[in-house]
Amino acid sequence: MSDKQLLHLVFGGELENLEEVKFRDLDKLDIVGVYPNYAAAEKAWRAKAQQTVDNAHMRYFIVHMHKMLDPDGDGKF
């Protein structure tokens, strides 16, 4: 098992419309947290999505931070 961190960010907010990812109010984004792997991030994402299921405009996302921090995947800056 690798000890490599594969950081993932979970966040969400209310969209202006259902056709594009444009948030109504950036000041009200819900930063759920940063997680060490996809499985933990997905668990947090599912929980938040379930809590907001009655608001069709509310969306949560998982961002693969490790891909932005190390785009070529060599583990170096």
N, C-alpha and C. Protein backbone atom coordinates (compact mmCIF):
# COMPACT_ATOMS: atom_id res chain seq x y z
N MET A 1 0.84 -1.19 0.00
CA MET A 1 0.00 0.00 0.00
C MET A 1 0.88 1.24 0.00
N SER A 2 0.56 2.18 -0.83
CA SER A 2 1.34 3.40 -0.97
C SER A 2 1.00 4.40 0.13
N ASP A 3 2.03 5.14 0.57
CA ASP A 3 1.79 6.18 1.57
C ASP A 3 1.63 7.54 0.90
N LYS A 4 1.50 7.55 -0.41
CA LYS A 4 1.33 8.78 -1.17
C LYS A 4 -0.02 9.42 -0.84
N GLN A 5 0.04 10.72 -0.56
CA GLN A 5 -1.21 11.44 -0.29
C GLN A 5 -1.87 11.83 -1.61
N LEU A 6 -3.12 11.49 -1.73
CA LEU A 6 -3.92 11.89 -2.89
C LEU A 6 -5.04 12.78 -2.38
N LEU A 7 -4.69 14.03 -2.13
CA LEU A 7 -5.63 14.96 -1.50
C LEU A 7 -6.82 15.29 -2.39
N HIS A 8 -7.99 15.36 -1.75
CA HIS A 8 -9.24 15.70 -2.43
C HIS A 8 -9.98 16.74 -1.61
N LEU A 9 -10.51 17.74 -2.29
CA LEU A 9 -11.30 18.80 -1.66
C LEU A 9 -12.77 18.55 -1.96
N VAL A 10 -13.62 18.66 -0.95
CA VAL A 10 -15.07 18.56 -1.13
C VAL A 10 -15.66 19.92 -0.79
N PHE A 11 -16.42 20.47 -1.72
CA PHE A 11 -17.07 21.76 -1.50
C PHE A 11 -18.36 21.82 -2.30
N GLY A 12 -19.18 22.79 -1.97
CA GLY A 12 -20.44 22.93 -2.69
C GLY A 12 -21.03 24.30 -2.52
N GLY A 13 -22.12 24.50 -3.22
CA GLY A 13 -22.83 25.76 -3.15
C GLY A 13 -24.06 25.72 -4.03
N GLU A 14 -24.81 26.79 -3.96
CA GLU A 14 -26.04 26.88 -4.73
C GLU A 14 -25.74 27.47 -6.10
N LEU A 15 -26.18 26.77 -7.15
CA LEU A 15 -25.96 27.20 -8.52
C LEU A 15 -27.02 28.21 -8.96
N GLU A 16 -26.63 29.11 -9.86
CA GLU A 16 -27.59 30.07 -10.42
C GLU A 16 -28.65 29.35 -11.25
N ASN A 17 -28.21 28.35 -12.04
CA ASN A 17 -29.14 27.56 -12.83
C ASN A 17 -28.57 26.16 -12.97
N LEU A 18 -29.35 25.26 -13.49
CA LEU A 18 -28.95 23.86 -13.57
C LEU A 18 -28.17 23.52 -14.83
N GLU A 19 -27.94 24.52 -15.69
CA GLU A 19 -27.26 24.28 -16.96
C GLU A 19 -25.76 24.50 -16.90
N GLU A 20 -25.25 25.17 -15.86
CA GLU A 20 -23.82 25.44 -15.79
C GLU A 20 -23.36 25.53 -14.33
N VAL A 21 -22.07 25.44 -14.15
CA VAL A 21 -21.50 25.54 -12.80
C VAL A 21 -21.12 26.99 -12.56
N LYS A 22 -22.11 27.76 -12.12
CA LYS A 22 -21.92 29.16 -11.75
C LYS A 22 -22.69 29.38 -10.44
N PHE A 23 -21.93 29.67 -9.39
CA PHE A 23 -22.53 29.76 -8.06
C PHE A 23 -23.25 31.09 -7.85
N ARG A 24 -24.36 31.04 -7.12
CA ARG A 24 -25.13 32.25 -6.81
C ARG A 24 -24.34 33.23 -5.96
N ASP A 25 -23.64 32.72 -4.95
CA ASP A 25 -22.92 33.59 -4.01
C ASP A 25 -21.64 32.89 -3.56
N LEU A 26 -20.50 33.35 -4.06
CA LEU A 26 -19.23 32.72 -3.71
C LEU A 26 -18.92 32.83 -2.23
N ASP A 27 -19.46 33.85 -1.57
CA ASP A 27 -19.23 34.00 -0.12
C ASP A 27 -19.94 32.92 0.69
N LYS A 28 -20.88 32.23 0.07
CA LYS A 28 -21.64 31.19 0.77
C LYS A 28 -21.24 29.77 0.37
N LEU A 29 -20.08 29.63 -0.29
CA LEU A 29 -19.62 28.28 -0.63
C LEU A 29 -19.38 27.50 0.66
N ASP A 30 -19.74 26.24 0.63
CA ASP A 30 -19.56 25.35 1.77
C ASP A 30 -18.31 24.51 1.53
N ILE A 31 -17.22 24.86 2.22
CA ILE A 31 -15.99 24.08 2.13
C ILE A 31 -16.10 22.95 3.16
N VAL A 32 -16.37 21.76 2.69
CA VAL A 32 -16.59 20.62 3.57
C VAL A 32 -15.27 20.16 4.18
N GLY A 33 -14.24 20.04 3.36
CA GLY A 33 -12.95 19.64 3.89
C GLY A 33 -12.02 19.06 2.85
N VAL A 34 -10.80 18.77 3.30
CA VAL A 34 -9.78 18.14 2.47
C VAL A 34 -9.56 16.73 3.03
N TYR A 35 -9.52 15.75 2.13
CA TYR A 35 -9.47 14.35 2.52
C TYR A 35 -8.26 13.66 1.90
N PRO A 36 -7.72 12.64 2.57
CA PRO A 36 -6.48 12.02 2.13
C PRO A 36 -6.61 11.05 0.95
N ASN A 37 -7.84 10.72 0.58
CA ASN A 37 -8.04 9.80 -0.54
C ASN A 37 -9.47 9.98 -1.08
N TYR A 38 -9.70 9.39 -2.24
CA TYR A 38 -10.99 9.56 -2.90
C TYR A 38 -12.13 8.93 -2.10
N ALA A 39 -11.88 7.79 -1.48
CA ALA A 39 -12.95 7.10 -0.74
C ALA A 39 -13.47 7.96 0.40
N ALA A 40 -12.59 8.60 1.14
CA ALA A 40 -13.01 9.47 2.24
C ALA A 40 -13.73 10.70 1.70
N ALA A 41 -13.24 11.25 0.60
CA ALA A 41 -13.89 12.42 0.00
C ALA A 41 -15.29 12.06 -0.51
N GLU A 42 -15.40 10.90 -1.13
CA GLU A 42 -16.71 10.48 -1.65
C GLU A 42 -17.72 10.28 -0.51
N LYS A 43 -17.27 9.76 0.60
CA LYS A 43 -18.15 9.57 1.75
C LYS A 43 -18.67 10.92 2.25
N ALA A 44 -17.78 11.91 2.35
CA ALA A 44 -18.19 13.26 2.78
C ALA A 44 -19.11 13.90 1.74
N TRP A 45 -18.78 13.73 0.46
CA TRP A 45 -19.60 14.28 -0.62
C TRP A 45 -21.02 13.70 -0.58
N ARG A 46 -21.13 12.39 -0.43
CA ARG A 46 -22.45 11.75 -0.38
C ARG A 46 -23.27 12.25 0.81
N ALA A 47 -22.63 12.42 1.94
CA ALA A 47 -23.34 12.91 3.13
C ALA A 47 -23.89 14.31 2.90
N LYS A 48 -23.06 15.20 2.35
CA LYS A 48 -23.52 16.58 2.12
C LYS A 48 -24.58 16.62 1.03
N ALA A 49 -24.40 15.85 -0.01
CA ALA A 49 -25.40 15.82 -1.09
C ALA A 49 -26.74 15.33 -0.57
N GLN A 50 -26.73 14.33 0.30
CA GLN A 50 -27.96 13.80 0.87
C GLN A 50 -28.65 14.83 1.75
N GLN A 51 -27.87 15.61 2.50
CA GLN A 51 -28.44 16.64 3.38
C GLN A 51 -29.15 17.74 2.60
N THR A 52 -28.74 17.96 1.34
CA THR A 52 -29.29 19.06 0.55
C THR A 52 -30.14 18.58 -0.61
N VAL A 53 -30.59 17.34 -0.55
CA VAL A 53 -31.32 16.73 -1.67
C VAL A 53 -32.60 17.51 -2.03
N ASP A 54 -33.19 18.23 -1.11
CA ASP A 54 -34.42 18.98 -1.39
C ASP A 54 -34.18 20.28 -2.15
N ASN A 55 -32.93 20.71 -2.28
CA ASN A 55 -32.61 21.94 -3.02
C ASN A 55 -31.94 21.53 -4.33
N ALA A 56 -32.69 21.60 -5.43
CA ALA A 56 -32.18 21.16 -6.72
C ALA A 56 -30.99 21.97 -7.20
N HIS A 57 -30.84 23.19 -6.72
CA HIS A 57 -29.74 24.05 -7.15
C HIS A 57 -28.46 23.86 -6.34
N MET A 58 -28.53 23.11 -5.27
CA MET A 58 -27.36 22.88 -4.42
C MET A 58 -26.56 21.72 -4.98
N ARG A 59 -25.26 21.95 -5.19
CA ARG A 59 -24.39 20.91 -5.73
C ARG A 59 -23.09 20.85 -4.94
N TYR A 60 -22.59 19.65 -4.76
CA TYR A 60 -21.30 19.42 -4.13
C TYR A 60 -20.37 18.74 -5.12
N PHE A 61 -19.08 19.03 -4.99
CA PHE A 61 -18.08 18.56 -5.93
C PHE A 61 -16.88 17.98 -5.18
N ILE A 62 -16.19 17.07 -5.85
CA ILE A 62 -14.91 16.56 -5.37
C ILE A 62 -13.84 17.05 -6.34
N VAL A 63 -12.85 17.74 -5.81
CA VAL A 63 -11.74 18.25 -6.62
C VAL A 63 -10.50 17.41 -6.30
N HIS A 64 -9.86 16.91 -7.32
CA HIS A 64 -8.65 16.11 -7.16
C HIS A 64 -7.47 17.06 -7.01
N MET A 65 -7.23 17.50 -5.78
CA MET A 65 -6.17 18.48 -5.52
C MET A 65 -4.80 17.92 -5.88
N HIS A 66 -4.60 16.63 -5.67
CA HIS A 66 -3.30 16.03 -5.96
C HIS A 66 -2.92 16.17 -7.42
N LYS A 67 -3.90 16.24 -8.31
CA LYS A 67 -3.61 16.42 -9.74
C LYS A 67 -3.18 17.85 -10.05
N MET A 68 -3.65 18.80 -9.27
CA MET A 68 -3.22 20.19 -9.46
C MET A 68 -1.86 20.44 -8.82
N LEU A 69 -1.60 19.77 -7.70
CA LEU A 69 -0.33 19.95 -7.00
C LEU A 69 0.82 19.24 -7.70
N ASP A 70 0.52 18.15 -8.38
CA ASP A 70 1.54 17.35 -9.05
C ASP A 70 0.99 16.86 -10.39
N PRO A 71 0.87 17.78 -11.37
CA PRO A 71 0.19 17.43 -12.63
C PRO A 71 0.86 16.31 -13.44
N ASP A 72 2.17 16.17 -13.32
CA ASP A 72 2.84 15.10 -14.08
C ASP A 72 2.96 13.80 -13.29
N GLY A 73 2.53 13.82 -12.02
CA GLY A 73 2.47 12.61 -11.23
C GLY A 73 3.79 12.03 -10.77
N ASP A 74 4.86 12.83 -10.82
CA ASP A 74 6.16 12.29 -10.41
C ASP A 74 6.48 12.48 -8.93
N GLY A 75 5.57 13.13 -8.20
CA GLY A 75 5.77 13.32 -6.76
C GLY A 75 6.72 14.44 -6.41
N LYS A 76 7.11 15.24 -7.41
CA LYS A 76 8.06 16.34 -7.19
C LYS A 76 7.44 17.66 -7.65
N PHE A 77 7.96 18.74 -7.11
CA PHE A 77 7.50 20.07 -7.55
C PHE A 77 8.10 20.43 -8.88
